[in-house]
Amino acid sequence: MLISPAYAQAAAAPAGFDLMSLAPLVLIFVVFYFLLIRPQQKKMKQHREMLGALRRGDKIVTNGGIVGTITKVLSPEELQVEIADGVRVKVMRSMISSVLSRTEPAEGAAEADDAKS
């Protein structure tokens, strides 16, 4: 015999790129997107909207677990929060984890928002 079995098997193997070998990788990426990436993006968007809607009088919880009431908006990034009677601290807006209770906007603020629209 002049041809060994190894050469015969190599000749029988398909040559070129097989599209079906890429399908499991694409399927795994799609599953990761819908189960992990997309829900996290939605959660981050809701948190950004919540931070943007903070106003004076809202009762909040910080990432450290401190509960307080917003007394003043110092800048777009800083808030003044009263955590006890007469005890006020500066808190970064991004460190607010949740809002326990919201206040209604003042009459003048609601009219100003309507005028801007």
PDB file of N, CA and C in Angstrom:
ATOM      1  N   MET A   1       0.829  -1.184   0.000  1.00  0.00           N
ATOM      2  CA  MET A   1       0.000   0.000   0.000  1.00  0.00           C
ATOM      3  C   MET A   1       0.871   1.243   0.000  1.00  0.00           C
ATOM      4  N   LEU A   2       0.577   2.125  -0.843  1.00  0.00           N
ATOM      5  CA  LEU A   2       1.352   3.340  -0.970  1.00  0.00           C
ATOM      6  C   LEU A   2       0.768   4.498  -0.153  1.00  0.00           C
ATOM      7  N   ILE A   3      -0.531   4.474   0.120  1.00  0.00           N
ATOM      8  CA  ILE A   3      -1.183   5.570   0.846  1.00  0.00           C
ATOM      9  C   ILE A   3      -1.479   5.115   2.271  1.00  0.00           C
ATOM     10  N   SER A   4      -1.028   5.891   3.258  1.00  0.00           N
ATOM     11  CA  SER A   4      -1.295   5.522   4.649  1.00  0.00           C
ATOM     12  C   SER A   4      -2.695   5.984   5.042  1.00  0.00           C
ATOM     13  N   PRO A   5      -3.296   5.401   6.091  1.00  0.00           N
ATOM     14  CA  PRO A   5      -4.646   5.798   6.512  1.00  0.00           C
ATOM     15  C   PRO A   5      -4.739   7.264   6.958  1.00  0.00           C
ATOM     16  N   ALA A   6      -3.667   7.846   7.487  1.00  0.00           N
ATOM     17  CA  ALA A   6      -3.693   9.241   7.936  1.00  0.00           C
ATOM     18  C   ALA A   6      -3.935  10.184   6.765  1.00  0.00           C
ATOM     19  N   TYR A   7      -3.299   9.929   5.650  1.00  0.00           N
ATOM     20  CA  TYR A   7      -3.499  10.777   4.479  1.00  0.00           C
ATOM     21  C   TYR A   7      -4.916  10.627   3.944  1.00  0.00           C
ATOM     22  N   ALA A   8      -5.455   9.475   4.026  1.00  0.00           N
ATOM     23  CA  ALA A   8      -6.808   9.239   3.530  1.00  0.00           C
ATOM     24  C   ALA A   8      -7.828   9.979   4.396  1.00  0.00           C
ATOM     25  N   GLN A   9      -7.622  10.034   5.700  1.00  0.00           N
ATOM     26  CA  GLN A   9      -8.556  10.741   6.574  1.00  0.00           C
ATOM     27  C   GLN A   9      -8.453  12.254   6.367  1.00  0.00           C
ATOM     28  N   ALA A  10      -7.274  12.756   6.153  1.00  0.00           N
ATOM     29  CA  ALA A  10      -7.094  14.182   5.941  1.00  0.00           C
ATOM     30  C   ALA A  10      -7.771  14.618   4.648  1.00  0.00           C
ATOM     31  N   ALA A  11      -7.775  13.808   3.673  1.00  0.00           N
ATOM     32  CA  ALA A  11      -8.402  14.158   2.408  1.00  0.00           C
ATOM     33  C   ALA A  11      -9.926  14.171   2.535  1.00  0.00           C
ATOM     34  N   ALA A  12     -10.478  13.391   3.447  1.00  0.00           N
ATOM     35  CA  ALA A  12     -11.921  13.307   3.590  1.00  0.00           C
ATOM     36  C   ALA A  12     -12.498  14.469   4.412  1.00  0.00           C
ATOM     37  N   ALA A  13     -11.672  15.204   5.162  1.00  0.00           N
ATOM     38  CA  ALA A  13     -12.147  16.299   5.996  1.00  0.00           C
ATOM     39  C   ALA A  13     -12.586  17.467   5.118  1.00  0.00           C
ATOM     40  N   PRO A  14     -13.686  18.151   5.484  1.00  0.00           N
ATOM     41  CA  PRO A  14     -14.140  19.283   4.670  1.00  0.00           C
ATOM     42  C   PRO A  14     -13.154  20.453   4.786  1.00  0.00           C
ATOM     43  N   ALA A  15     -12.957  21.120   3.691  1.00  0.00           N
ATOM     44  CA  ALA A  15     -12.027  22.246   3.665  1.00  0.00           C
ATOM     45  C   ALA A  15     -12.814  23.559   3.692  1.00  0.00           C
ATOM     46  N   GLY A  16     -12.211  24.627   4.258  1.00  0.00           N
ATOM     47  CA  GLY A  16     -12.850  25.928   4.248  1.00  0.00           C
ATOM     48  C   GLY A  16     -13.537  26.251   5.566  1.00  0.00           C
ATOM     49  N   PHE A  17     -14.248  27.379   5.583  1.00  0.00           N
ATOM     50  CA  PHE A  17     -14.905  27.885   6.783  1.00  0.00           C
ATOM     51  C   PHE A  17     -16.323  27.326   6.868  1.00  0.00           C
ATOM     52  N   ASP A  18     -16.675  26.819   8.038  1.00  0.00           N
ATOM     53  CA  ASP A  18     -18.009  26.270   8.249  1.00  0.00           C
ATOM     54  C   ASP A  18     -18.822  27.255   9.081  1.00  0.00           C
ATOM     55  N   LEU A  19     -19.898  27.758   8.549  1.00  0.00           N
ATOM     56  CA  LEU A  19     -20.730  28.764   9.223  1.00  0.00           C
ATOM     57  C   LEU A  19     -21.422  28.184  10.457  1.00  0.00           C
ATOM     58  N   MET A  20     -21.712  26.912  10.448  1.00  0.00           N
ATOM     59  CA  MET A  20     -22.397  26.287  11.584  1.00  0.00           C
ATOM     60  C   MET A  20     -21.496  26.201  12.819  1.00  0.00           C
ATOM     61  N   SER A  21     -20.182  26.283  12.641  1.00  0.00           N
ATOM     62  CA  SER A  21     -19.296  26.266  13.796  1.00  0.00           C
ATOM     63  C   SER A  21     -19.344  27.600  14.552  1.00  0.00           C
ATOM     64  N   LEU A  22     -19.816  28.636  13.907  1.00  0.00           N
ATOM     65  CA  LEU A  22     -19.927  29.954  14.527  1.00  0.00           C
ATOM     66  C   LEU A  22     -21.270  30.136  15.240  1.00  0.00           C
ATOM     67  N   ALA A  23     -22.255  29.345  14.931  1.00  0.00           N
ATOM     68  CA  ALA A  23     -23.607  29.477  15.486  1.00  0.00           C
ATOM     69  C   ALA A  23     -23.647  29.377  17.019  1.00  0.00           C
ATOM     70  N   PRO A  24     -22.948  28.438  17.668  1.00  0.00           N
ATOM     71  CA  PRO A  24     -22.998  28.394  19.137  1.00  0.00           C
ATOM     72  C   PRO A  24     -22.458  29.668  19.797  1.00  0.00           C
ATOM     73  N   LEU A  25     -21.421  30.261  19.231  1.00  0.00           N
ATOM     74  CA  LEU A  25     -20.887  31.503  19.785  1.00  0.00           C
ATOM     75  C   LEU A  25     -21.897  32.646  19.672  1.00  0.00           C
ATOM     76  N   VAL A  26     -22.563  32.735  18.546  1.00  0.00           N
ATOM     77  CA  VAL A  26     -23.583  33.772  18.352  1.00  0.00           C
ATOM     78  C   VAL A  26     -24.741  33.542  19.312  1.00  0.00           C
ATOM     79  N   LEU A  27     -25.141  32.313  19.492  1.00  0.00           N
ATOM     80  CA  LEU A  27     -26.233  31.992  20.407  1.00  0.00           C
ATOM     81  C   LEU A  27     -25.870  32.360  21.846  1.00  0.00           C
ATOM     82  N   ILE A  28     -24.648  32.083  22.256  1.00  0.00           N
ATOM     83  CA  ILE A  28     -24.211  32.435  23.610  1.00  0.00           C
ATOM     84  C   ILE A  28     -24.226  33.947  23.796  1.00  0.00           C
ATOM     85  N   PHE A  29     -23.770  34.714  22.803  1.00  0.00           N
ATOM     86  CA  PHE A  29     -23.784  36.171  22.902  1.00  0.00           C
ATOM     87  C   PHE A  29     -25.210  36.706  23.016  1.00  0.00           C
ATOM     88  N   VAL A  30     -26.133  36.150  22.244  1.00  0.00           N
ATOM     89  CA  VAL A  30     -27.537  36.596  22.296  1.00  0.00           C
ATOM     90  C   VAL A  30     -28.134  36.323  23.676  1.00  0.00           C
ATOM     91  N   VAL A  31     -27.863  35.166  24.236  1.00  0.00           N
ATOM     92  CA  VAL A  31     -28.366  34.828  25.573  1.00  0.00           C
ATOM     93  C   VAL A  31     -27.776  35.771  26.610  1.00  0.00           C
ATOM     94  N   PHE A  32     -26.479  36.034  26.557  1.00  0.00           N
ATOM     95  CA  PHE A  32     -25.847  36.969  27.485  1.00  0.00           C
ATOM     96  C   PHE A  32     -26.463  38.358  27.364  1.00  0.00           C
ATOM     97  N   TYR A  33     -26.728  38.805  26.144  1.00  0.00           N
ATOM     98  CA  TYR A  33     -27.293  40.136  25.937  1.00  0.00           C
ATOM     99  C   TYR A  33     -28.662  40.257  26.604  1.00  0.00           C
ATOM    100  N   PHE A  34     -29.543  39.303  26.362  1.00  0.00           N
ATOM    101  CA  PHE A  34     -30.906  39.408  26.882  1.00  0.00           C
ATOM    102  C   PHE A  34     -31.006  39.085  28.370  1.00  0.00           C
ATOM    103  N   LEU A  35     -30.103  38.280  28.912  1.00  0.00           N
ATOM    104  CA  LEU A  35     -30.188  37.934  30.330  1.00  0.00           C
ATOM    105  C   LEU A  35     -29.328  38.817  31.230  1.00  0.00           C
ATOM    106  N   LEU A  36     -28.258  39.397  30.720  1.00  0.00           N
ATOM    107  CA  LEU A  36     -27.347  40.166  31.570  1.00  0.00           C
ATOM    108  C   LEU A  36     -27.211  41.635  31.158  1.00  0.00           C
ATOM    109  N   ILE A  37     -26.870  41.887  29.920  1.00  0.00           N
ATOM    110  CA  ILE A  37     -26.527  43.240  29.491  1.00  0.00           C
ATOM    111  C   ILE A  37     -27.751  44.144  29.431  1.00  0.00           C
ATOM    112  N   ARG A  38     -28.804  43.730  28.769  1.00  0.00           N
ATOM    113  CA  ARG A  38     -29.988  44.573  28.586  1.00  0.00           C
ATOM    114  C   ARG A  38     -30.668  44.925  29.916  1.00  0.00           C
ATOM    115  N   PRO A  39     -30.907  43.980  30.832  1.00  0.00           N
ATOM    116  CA  PRO A  39     -31.516  44.352  32.111  1.00  0.00           C
ATOM    117  C   PRO A  39     -30.645  45.328  32.918  1.00  0.00           C
ATOM    118  N   GLN A  40     -29.329  45.168  32.853  1.00  0.00           N
ATOM    119  CA  GLN A  40     -28.442  46.076  33.578  1.00  0.00           C
ATOM    120  C   GLN A  40     -28.516  47.478  32.991  1.00  0.00           C
ATOM    121  N   GLN A  41     -28.604  47.603  31.680  1.00  0.00           N
ATOM    122  CA  GLN A  41     -28.731  48.907  31.054  1.00  0.00           C
ATOM    123  C   GLN A  41     -30.043  49.581  31.449  1.00  0.00           C
ATOM    124  N   LYS A  42     -31.127  48.818  31.513  1.00  0.00           N
ATOM    125  CA  LYS A  42     -32.420  49.379  31.913  1.00  0.00           C
ATOM    126  C   LYS A  42     -32.385  49.855  33.360  1.00  0.00           C
ATOM    127  N   LYS A  43     -31.725  49.081  34.220  1.00  0.00           N
ATOM    128  CA  LYS A  43     -31.611  49.457  35.627  1.00  0.00           C
ATOM    129  C   LYS A  43     -30.791  50.734  35.786  1.00  0.00           C
ATOM    130  N   MET A  44     -29.696  50.847  35.038  1.00  0.00           N
ATOM    131  CA  MET A  44     -28.867  52.051  35.100  1.00  0.00           C
ATOM    132  C   MET A  44     -29.636  53.275  34.603  1.00  0.00           C
ATOM    133  N   LYS A  45     -30.444  53.108  33.570  1.00  0.00           N
ATOM    134  CA  LYS A  45     -31.230  54.215  33.037  1.00  0.00           C
ATOM    135  C   LYS A  45     -32.258  54.681  34.066  1.00  0.00           C
ATOM    136  N   GLN A  46     -32.926  53.760  34.736  1.00  0.00           N
ATOM    137  CA  GLN A  46     -33.892  54.124  35.777  1.00  0.00           C
ATOM    138  C   GLN A  46     -33.208  54.847  36.927  1.00  0.00           C
ATOM    139  N   HIS A  47     -32.015  54.419  37.310  1.00  0.00           N
ATOM    140  CA  HIS A  47     -31.278  55.062  38.404  1.00  0.00           C
ATOM    141  C   HIS A  47     -30.879  56.488  38.022  1.00  0.00           C
ATOM    142  N   ARG A  48     -30.412  56.686  36.766  1.00  0.00           N
ATOM    143  CA  ARG A  48     -30.068  58.030  36.297  1.00  0.00           C
ATOM    144  C   ARG A  48     -31.288  58.945  36.314  1.00  0.00           C
ATOM    145  N   GLU A  49     -32.445  58.431  35.880  1.00  0.00           N
ATOM    146  CA  GLU A  49     -33.674  59.236  35.889  1.00  0.00           C
ATOM    147  C   GLU A  49     -34.080  59.578  37.315  1.00  0.00           C
ATOM    148  N   MET A  50     -33.926  58.631  38.242  1.00  0.00           N
ATOM    149  CA  MET A  50     -34.252  58.879  39.640  1.00  0.00           C
ATOM    150  C   MET A  50     -33.349  59.964  40.214  1.00  0.00           C
ATOM    151  N   LEU A  51     -32.052  59.913  39.900  1.00  0.00           N
ATOM    152  CA  LEU A  51     -31.122  60.925  40.391  1.00  0.00           C
ATOM    153  C   LEU A  51     -31.429  62.300  39.804  1.00  0.00           C
ATOM    154  N   GLY A  52     -31.855  62.335  38.570  1.00  0.00           N
ATOM    155  CA  GLY A  52     -32.193  63.605  37.929  1.00  0.00           C
ATOM    156  C   GLY A  52     -33.447  64.241  38.494  1.00  0.00           C
ATOM    157  N   ALA A  53     -34.326  63.441  39.073  1.00  0.00           N
ATOM    158  CA  ALA A  53     -35.600  63.952  39.585  1.00  0.00           C
ATOM    159  C   ALA A  53     -35.546  64.305  41.066  1.00  0.00           C
ATOM    160  N   LEU A  54     -34.381  64.230  41.697  1.00  0.00           N
ATOM    161  CA  LEU A  54     -34.281  64.560  43.122  1.00  0.00           C
ATOM    162  C   LEU A  54     -34.556  66.040  43.344  1.00  0.00           C
ATOM    163  N   ARG A  55     -35.282  66.354  44.431  1.00  0.00           N
ATOM    164  CA  ARG A  55     -35.555  67.750  44.778  1.00  0.00           C
ATOM    165  C   ARG A  55     -35.589  67.903  46.284  1.00  0.00           C
ATOM    166  N   ARG A  56     -35.598  69.141  46.718  1.00  0.00           N
ATOM    167  CA  ARG A  56     -35.608  69.455  48.144  1.00  0.00           C
ATOM    168  C   ARG A  56     -36.840  68.841  48.796  1.00  0.00           C
ATOM    169  N   GLY A  57     -36.635  68.211  49.953  1.00  0.00           N
ATOM    170  CA  GLY A  57     -37.729  67.597  50.692  1.00  0.00           C
ATOM    171  C   GLY A  57     -37.854  66.095  50.488  1.00  0.00           C
ATOM    172  N   ASP A  58     -37.180  65.550  49.482  1.00  0.00           N
ATOM    173  CA  ASP A  58     -37.224  64.102  49.246  1.00  0.00           C
ATOM    174  C   ASP A  58     -36.476  63.376  50.360  1.00  0.00           C
ATOM    175  N   LYS A  59     -37.042  62.278  50.817  1.00  0.00           N
ATOM    176  CA  LYS A  59     -36.384  61.431  51.817  1.00  0.00           C
ATOM    177  C   LYS A  59     -35.631  60.355  51.052  1.00  0.00           C
ATOM    178  N   ILE A  60     -34.312  60.261  51.303  1.00  0.00           N
ATOM    179  CA  ILE A  60     -33.446  59.396  50.507  1.00  0.00           C
ATOM    180  C   ILE A  60     -32.631  58.458  51.382  1.00  0.00           C
ATOM    181  N   VAL A  61     -32.039  57.442  50.731  1.00  0.00           N
ATOM    182  CA  VAL A  61     -31.098  56.530  51.374  1.00  0.00           C
ATOM    183  C   VAL A  61     -29.820  56.576  50.549  1.00  0.00           C
ATOM    184  N   THR A  62     -28.675  56.769  51.229  1.00  0.00           N
ATOM    185  CA  THR A  62     -27.397  56.784  50.524  1.00  0.00           C
ATOM    186  C   THR A  62     -26.873  55.359  50.358  1.00  0.00           C
ATOM    187  N   ASN A  63     -25.803  55.226  49.577  1.00  0.00           N
ATOM    188  CA  ASN A  63     -25.177  53.908  49.393  1.00  0.00           C
ATOM    189  C   ASN A  63     -24.635  53.358  50.702  1.00  0.00           C
ATOM    190  N   GLY A  64     -24.304  54.235  51.648  1.00  0.00           N
ATOM    191  CA  GLY A  64     -23.799  53.800  52.948  1.00  0.00           C
ATOM    192  C   GLY A  64     -24.899  53.429  53.916  1.00  0.00           C
ATOM    193  N   GLY A  65     -26.158  53.612  53.517  1.00  0.00           N
ATOM    194  CA  GLY A  65     -27.285  53.236  54.374  1.00  0.00           C
ATOM    195  C   GLY A  65     -27.794  54.371  55.244  1.00  0.00           C
ATOM    196  N   ILE A  66     -27.309  55.581  55.050  1.00  0.00           N
ATOM    197  CA  ILE A  66     -27.761  56.725  55.835  1.00  0.00           C
ATOM    198  C   ILE A  66     -29.060  57.243  55.249  1.00  0.00           C
ATOM    199  N   VAL A  67     -30.061  57.426  56.116  1.00  0.00           N
ATOM    200  CA  VAL A  67     -31.361  57.935  55.704  1.00  0.00           C
ATOM    201  C   VAL A  67     -31.422  59.408  56.067  1.00  0.00           C
ATOM    202  N   GLY A  68     -31.870  60.218  55.128  1.00  0.00           N
ATOM    203  CA  GLY A  68     -31.954  61.647  55.388  1.00  0.00           C
ATOM    204  C   GLY A  68     -32.918  62.325  54.445  1.00  0.00           C
ATOM    205  N   THR A  69     -33.061  63.640  54.646  1.00  0.00           N
ATOM    206  CA  THR A  69     -33.954  64.454  53.828  1.00  0.00           C
ATOM    207  C   THR A  69     -33.121  65.516  53.121  1.00  0.00           C
ATOM    208  N   ILE A  70     -33.354  65.690  51.838  1.00  0.00           N
ATOM    209  CA  ILE A  70     -32.625  66.693  51.074  1.00  0.00           C
ATOM    210  C   ILE A  70     -33.101  68.071  51.513  1.00  0.00           C
ATOM    211  N   THR A  71     -32.181  68.917  51.958  1.00  0.00           N
ATOM    212  CA  THR A  71     -32.535  70.274  52.381  1.00  0.00           C
ATOM    213  C   THR A  71     -32.153  71.309  51.339  1.00  0.00           C
ATOM    214  N   LYS A  72     -31.151  71.001  50.515  1.00  0.00           N
ATOM    215  CA  LYS A  72     -30.691  71.985  49.546  1.00  0.00           C
ATOM    216  C   LYS A  72     -29.944  71.278  48.423  1.00  0.00           C
ATOM    217  N   VAL A  73     -30.124  71.774  47.210  1.00  0.00           N
ATOM    218  CA  VAL A  73     -29.349  71.292  46.072  1.00  0.00           C
ATOM    219  C   VAL A  73     -28.216  72.289  45.885  1.00  0.00           C
ATOM    220  N   LEU A  74     -26.993  71.886  46.221  1.00  0.00           N
ATOM    221  CA  LEU A  74     -25.843  72.789  46.172  1.00  0.00           C
ATOM    222  C   LEU A  74     -25.309  72.979  44.755  1.00  0.00           C
ATOM    223  N   SER A  75     -25.257  71.930  43.989  1.00  0.00           N
ATOM    224  CA  SER A  75     -24.783  71.969  42.600  1.00  0.00           C
ATOM    225  C   SER A  75     -25.384  70.758  41.888  1.00  0.00           C
ATOM    226  N   PRO A  76     -25.141  70.635  40.594  1.00  0.00           N
ATOM    227  CA  PRO A  76     -25.661  69.446  39.908  1.00  0.00           C
ATOM    228  C   PRO A  76     -25.122  68.129  40.463  1.00  0.00           C
ATOM    229  N   GLU A  77     -23.975  68.172  41.150  1.00  0.00           N
ATOM    230  CA  GLU A  77     -23.385  66.947  41.689  1.00  0.00           C
ATOM    231  C   GLU A  77     -23.543  66.804  43.193  1.00  0.00           C
ATOM    232  N   GLU A  78     -23.810  67.880  43.928  1.00  0.00           N
ATOM    233  CA  GLU A  78     -23.853  67.834  45.393  1.00  0.00           C
ATOM    234  C   GLU A  78     -25.226  68.202  45.935  1.00  0.00           C
ATOM    235  N   LEU A  79     -25.586  67.523  47.016  1.00  0.00           N
ATOM    236  CA  LEU A  79     -26.823  67.796  47.736  1.00  0.00           C
ATOM    237  C   LEU A  79     -26.486  67.991  49.207  1.00  0.00           C
ATOM    238  N   GLN A  80     -27.302  68.792  49.887  1.00  0.00           N
ATOM    239  CA  GLN A  80     -27.172  68.901  51.339  1.00  0.00           C
ATOM    240  C   GLN A  80     -28.299  68.067  51.932  1.00  0.00           C
ATOM    241  N   VAL A  81     -27.938  67.136  52.808  1.00  0.00           N
ATOM    242  CA  VAL A  81     -28.907  66.194  53.370  1.00  0.00           C
ATOM    243  C   VAL A  81     -28.903  66.326  54.882  1.00  0.00           C
ATOM    244  N   GLU A  82     -30.097  66.432  55.464  1.00  0.00           N
ATOM    245  CA  GLU A  82     -30.222  66.472  56.918  1.00  0.00           C
ATOM    246  C   GLU A  82     -30.476  65.050  57.396  1.00  0.00           C
ATOM    247  N   ILE A  83     -29.536  64.536  58.212  1.00  0.00           N
ATOM    248  CA  ILE A  83     -29.642  63.152  58.671  1.00  0.00           C
ATOM    249  C   ILE A  83     -30.151  63.060  60.104  1.00  0.00           C
ATOM    250  N   ALA A  84     -30.163  64.191  60.839  1.00  0.00           N
ATOM    251  CA  ALA A  84     -30.718  64.288  62.189  1.00  0.00           C
ATOM    252  C   ALA A  84     -31.063  65.760  62.399  1.00  0.00           C
ATOM    253  N   ASP A  85     -31.741  66.078  63.494  1.00  0.00           N
ATOM    254  CA  ASP A  85     -32.105  67.467  63.748  1.00  0.00           C
ATOM    255  C   ASP A  85     -30.847  68.328  63.830  1.00  0.00           C
ATOM    256  N   GLY A  86     -30.708  69.261  62.907  1.00  0.00           N
ATOM    257  CA  GLY A  86     -29.573  70.174  62.900  1.00  0.00           C
ATOM    258  C   GLY A  86     -28.281  69.594  62.366  1.00  0.00           C
ATOM    259  N   VAL A  87     -28.268  68.349  61.919  1.00  0.00           N
ATOM    260  CA  VAL A  87     -27.052  67.724  61.377  1.00  0.00           C
ATOM    261  C   VAL A  87     -27.217  67.612  59.864  1.00  0.00           C
ATOM    262  N   ARG A  88     -26.437  68.423  59.153  1.00  0.00           N
ATOM    263  CA  ARG A  88     -26.521  68.436  57.696  1.00  0.00           C
ATOM    264  C   ARG A  88     -25.174  68.042  57.117  1.00  0.00           C
ATOM    265  N   VAL A  89     -25.209  67.205  56.107  1.00  0.00           N
ATOM    266  CA  VAL A  89     -23.986  66.746  55.446  1.00  0.00           C
ATOM    267  C   VAL A  89     -24.129  66.945  53.941  1.00  0.00           C
ATOM    268  N   LYS A  90     -22.982  67.083  53.278  1.00  0.00           N
ATOM    269  CA  LYS A  90     -22.970  67.163  51.817  1.00  0.00           C
ATOM    270  C   LYS A  90     -22.838  65.746  51.275  1.00  0.00           C
ATOM    271  N   VAL A  91     -23.641  65.444  50.280  1.00  0.00           N
ATOM    272  CA  VAL A  91     -23.645  64.104  49.682  1.00  0.00           C
ATOM    273  C   VAL A  91     -23.571  64.265  48.168  1.00  0.00           C
ATOM    274  N   MET A  92     -22.759  63.447  47.546  1.00  0.00           N
ATOM    275  CA  MET A  92     -22.711  63.432  46.081  1.00  0.00           C
ATOM    276  C   MET A  92     -24.002  62.806  45.553  1.00  0.00           C
ATOM    277  N   ARG A  93     -24.549  63.391  44.523  1.00  0.00           N
ATOM    278  CA  ARG A  93     -25.813  62.903  43.956  1.00  0.00           C
ATOM    279  C   ARG A  93     -25.700  61.444  43.506  1.00  0.00           C
ATOM    280  N   SER A  94     -24.541  61.062  42.998  1.00  0.00           N
ATOM    281  CA  SER A  94     -24.366  59.693  42.503  1.00  0.00           C
ATOM    282  C   SER A  94     -24.346  58.659  43.622  1.00  0.00           C
ATOM    283  N   MET A  95     -24.197  59.084  44.869  1.00  0.00           N
ATOM    284  CA  MET A  95     -24.158  58.160  46.004  1.00  0.00           C
ATOM    285  C   MET A  95     -25.537  57.907  46.621  1.00  0.00           C
ATOM    286  N   ILE A  96     -26.594  58.401  45.986  1.00  0.00           N
ATOM    287  CA  ILE A  96     -27.962  58.143  46.450  1.00  0.00           C
ATOM    288  C   ILE A  96     -28.402  56.806  45.848  1.00  0.00           C
ATOM    289  N   SER A  97     -28.836  55.891  46.712  1.00  0.00           N
ATOM    290  CA  SER A  97     -29.234  54.582  46.200  1.00  0.00           C
ATOM    291  C   SER A  97     -30.733  54.478  45.945  1.00  0.00           C
ATOM    292  N   SER A  98     -31.555  55.136  46.773  1.00  0.00           N
ATOM    293  CA  SER A  98     -32.994  55.061  46.540  1.00  0.00           C
ATOM    294  C   SER A  98     -33.697  56.251  47.183  1.00  0.00           C
ATOM    295  N   VAL A  99     -34.937  56.460  46.764  1.00  0.00           N
ATOM    296  CA  VAL A  99     -35.773  57.522  47.304  1.00  0.00           C
ATOM    297  C   VAL A  99     -36.908  56.861  48.073  1.00  0.00           C
ATOM    298  N   LEU A 100     -37.023  57.205  49.360  1.00  0.00           N
ATOM    299  CA  LEU A 100     -38.082  56.615  50.185  1.00  0.00           C
ATOM    300  C   LEU A 100     -39.415  57.324  49.978  1.00  0.00           C
ATOM    301  N   SER A 101     -39.392  58.660  49.923  1.00  0.00           N
ATOM    302  CA  SER A 101     -40.621  59.406  49.674  1.00  0.00           C
ATOM    303  C   SER A 101     -40.295  60.663  48.888  1.00  0.00           C
ATOM    304  N   ARG A 102     -41.183  60.999  47.999  1.00  0.00           N
ATOM    305  CA  ARG A 102     -40.998  62.166  47.133  1.00  0.00           C
ATOM    306  C   ARG A 102     -41.906  63.297  47.599  1.00  0.00           C
ATOM    307  N   THR A 103     -41.475  64.503  47.297  1.00  0.00           N
ATOM    308  CA  THR A 103     -42.317  65.667  47.558  1.00  0.00           C
ATOM    309  C   THR A 103     -42.905  66.136  46.245  1.00  0.00           C
ATOM    310  N   GLU A 104     -44.030  66.803  46.345  1.00  0.00           N
ATOM    311  CA  GLU A 104     -44.662  67.358  45.150  1.00  0.00           C
ATOM    312  C   GLU A 104     -43.943  68.639  44.775  1.00  0.00           C
ATOM    313  N   PRO A 105     -43.812  68.934  43.475  1.00  0.00           N
ATOM    314  CA  PRO A 105     -43.181  70.189  43.089  1.00  0.00           C
ATOM    315  C   PRO A 105     -44.026  71.375  43.533  1.00  0.00           C
ATOM    316  N   ALA A 106     -43.365  72.481  43.836  1.00  0.00           N
ATOM    317  CA  ALA A 106     -44.067  73.688  44.265  1.00  0.00           C
ATOM    318  C   ALA A 106     -44.890  74.245  43.105  1.00  0.00           C
ATOM    319  N   GLU A 107     -45.878  75.073  43.413  1.00  0.00           N
ATOM    320  CA  GLU A 107     -46.746  75.650  42.390  1.00  0.00           C
ATOM    321  C   GLU A 107     -45.938  76.422  41.349  1.00  0.00           C
ATOM    322  N   GLY A 108     -45.018  77.242  41.788  1.00  0.00           N
ATOM    323  CA  GLY A 108     -44.209  78.041  40.875  1.00  0.00           C
ATOM    324  C   GLY A 108     -43.320  77.179  39.997  1.00  0.00           C
ATOM    325  N   ALA A 109     -42.790  76.114  40.556  1.00  0.00           N
ATOM    326  CA  ALA A 109     -41.918  75.222  39.794  1.00  0.00           C
ATOM    327  C   ALA A 109     -42.701  74.491  38.710  1.00  0.00           C
ATOM    328  N   ALA A 110     -43.921  74.098  39.016  1.00  0.00           N
ATOM    329  CA  ALA A 110     -44.748  73.401  38.027  1.00  0.00           C
ATOM    330  C   ALA A 110     -45.097  74.341  36.880  1.00  0.00           C
ATOM    331  N   GLU A 111     -45.405  75.608  37.195  1.00  0.00           N
ATOM    332  CA  GLU A 111     -45.725  76.570  36.154  1.00  0.00           C
ATOM    333  C   GLU A 111     -44.490  76.880  35.312  1.00  0.00           C
ATOM    334  N   ALA A 112     -43.322  76.961  35.942  1.00  0.00           N
ATOM    335  CA  ALA A 112     -42.084  77.217  35.218  1.00  0.00           C
ATOM    336  C   ALA A 112     -41.762  76.062  34.282  1.00  0.00           C
ATOM    337  N   ASP A 113     -42.015  74.830  34.715  1.00  0.00           N
ATOM    338  CA  ASP A 113     -41.789  73.668  33.852  1.00  0.00           C
ATOM    339  C   ASP A 113     -42.729  73.688  32.662  1.00  0.00           C
ATOM    340  N   ASP A 114     -43.995  74.099  32.886  1.00  0.00           N
ATOM    341  CA  ASP A 114     -44.955  74.181  31.793  1.00  0.00           C
ATOM    342  C   ASP A 114     -44.549  75.275  30.806  1.00  0.00           C
ATOM    343  N   ALA A 115     -44.007  76.383  31.299  1.00  0.00           N
ATOM    344  CA  ALA A 115     -43.603  77.482  30.426  1.00  0.00           C
ATOM    345  C   ALA A 115     -42.412  77.082  29.571  1.00  0.00           C
ATOM    346  N   LYS A 116     -41.513  76.232  30.100  1.00  0.00           N
ATOM    347  CA  LYS A 116     -40.361  75.779  29.339  1.00  0.00           C
ATOM    348  C   LYS A 116     -40.774  74.861  28.206  1.00  0.00           C
ATOM    349  N   SER A 117     -41.861  74.114  28.373  1.00  0.00           N
ATOM    350  CA  SER A 117     -42.282  73.133  27.368  1.00  0.00           C
ATOM    351  C   SER A 117     -42.901  73.768  26.163  1.00  0.00           C
TER     352      SER A 117
END
